[in-house]
């Protein structure tokens, strides 16, 4: 919704929302308006900001950008922090006012600023609703912190099977929206169509629509009717939240051979004519194959696609196990960004996101289990407060960053080609299943929590375990399938080892899988290895000490190494070397080799 509040009202409301994330009571608001009118916008903003100068520049940057609704954006957060250092925290009120005014004008931004258009729409709605709250004499106390003050329930309107025109200017009450939170329902498939035109007006409004293209169950002695797929492209204005419940499941098979269920159809929701929509959800959708009968086959599931999505619009899946495709319009830049939100998305649904280089997966709530297919994504950021099990398919990814996720992460990721990938875990007890391709180095920081890392030895990976009792399982060691050791010099040998940091003997556990058992060197043999003139010499001596098809742990310098010797005598390129950085003493119970 375009800017609705102007002048002193806008200044006072903007400062309250940007810095307090709250709307003042009627009496307080009127006093602030009188003060701002008396001293001017700049002086009032300076005075308003004095109560926040005890915060650090970093805290102020986070607070302000969070309240404006433009996070996560690490680059912007850092830039604002640096700017506050430059201009001084005493000017935080003026900075807050300026940023609020800038954001309010970005609803129809293009180019790099298009990513802020959805946030601008939400911000203008928030300012309008906040003013409505504070200007109401019935508001005798401040709103709750974080409230967008749009909790005034509006009307509930229902679409029909015909062409519906809904707006604040409609002459009939059944088609007339209000300035409050309205809900528009299309509870029967076919009631939301391309000819419908909906303007929800002010407030934070929602559209909830049911769409069905499910295949029919097979009758006795016949084949179920396939679901009839379709595309809809309604025109929406100021409908902030859109929830689509689609059913494209296949029908059940019957007893006889050939009594197959009908296949589900394909549904496409074209969002090209959605203006002011900030959230687009697949809500409780179903896309399951039909149940097989005694001999009849279940019908295949159809597909759900959301197309024409504007950059900056958040897409999401809630309460659904159905796969979905999200296609963004205008994603032709080199660093387009999008967010996929998850709330109890279950069943391993595949969510396909096209043409986005910087993808954020926000595990908002519940327990989520999905496959993220984003082959153009170069950076995948995982955040949120909901547990997440995710298989990420991103052939161009160089970063998978889950450091902001507060619940447990189960991440399955396979590298492609020779592209190096940096993976960072979150704060919970995470599980990583990393399959590397030859020479595609993985740098993994597991993070806090009792993490489990499963990774193969296709390259010289670098693994930092972090706090907690961690378990590291390395497979594919030694032999022709493992990453070759470079045994030409000591330095090249060190560079071709798998490096593990933050390993704590007696707390963490390292399990090696190569088909080889552990050698049992004597104390004298280990001392001789430790006294070698170089790492290369130490590894050569360790190989001959261990013998063929054995793993041996030895200390060299300030670190412990484990050499996995293949079936050939002596050190060779087909052996594997693991470095436990900073580990001086390794207990036998802290590692296994099988």
Foldseek 3Di string as FASTA:
>chain_A
DAADDDDLLLLLLLLCQQQQVWFFAQVVSVVLSVVCVVPHSQVSLLVSQPVPQVDALLVLLVSRCVSLPNDPDVVSSVVSSVVCVVVDSSRSSVVSSVVLVVLLPQLPPDDPSLLSNLSNLVSSLLSVLSSVRNNDNVRRGMDPRNDSNQPPEWEEAEADLDAAEAECPDPDPNRHADQGAYEYEAADANRAAQRHAYERHHGAYEYEYEHEQEWAAFDVPGETAGGDEDEGEHAYHQHAEYEYAYEQEWYEAEQDAHSETHGGEEYEYEDQRHRNHQEYEDEAHAFYFHHYYNHYYTHHGYAYEYEQAENNRAYEYANEQEAYEYYYPPLPDPAGEYEYEYHPHDDAHEYEYESHQEYEYEDAAEEHHYEYEYQNHQEYEYAYAYEYEYEYHHANHQEYHDQHHQEEYEYEYEYDDQDAHEYEAYAEAYEYHYEYAANREYEYEHHHYAYEYEYEQNFQYEYEDYYAQYEYEYEDFFDPNGQFADLPDQVSNVVGAREYEPDDAPRYAYEYEDQAWAADADPVLLVVLQPDPGVSRSQQSQQQRRDERHWYWHDHDQWIKIKGHHRDGTDGRRIHMYIYPRDPDHDPRRYTYD
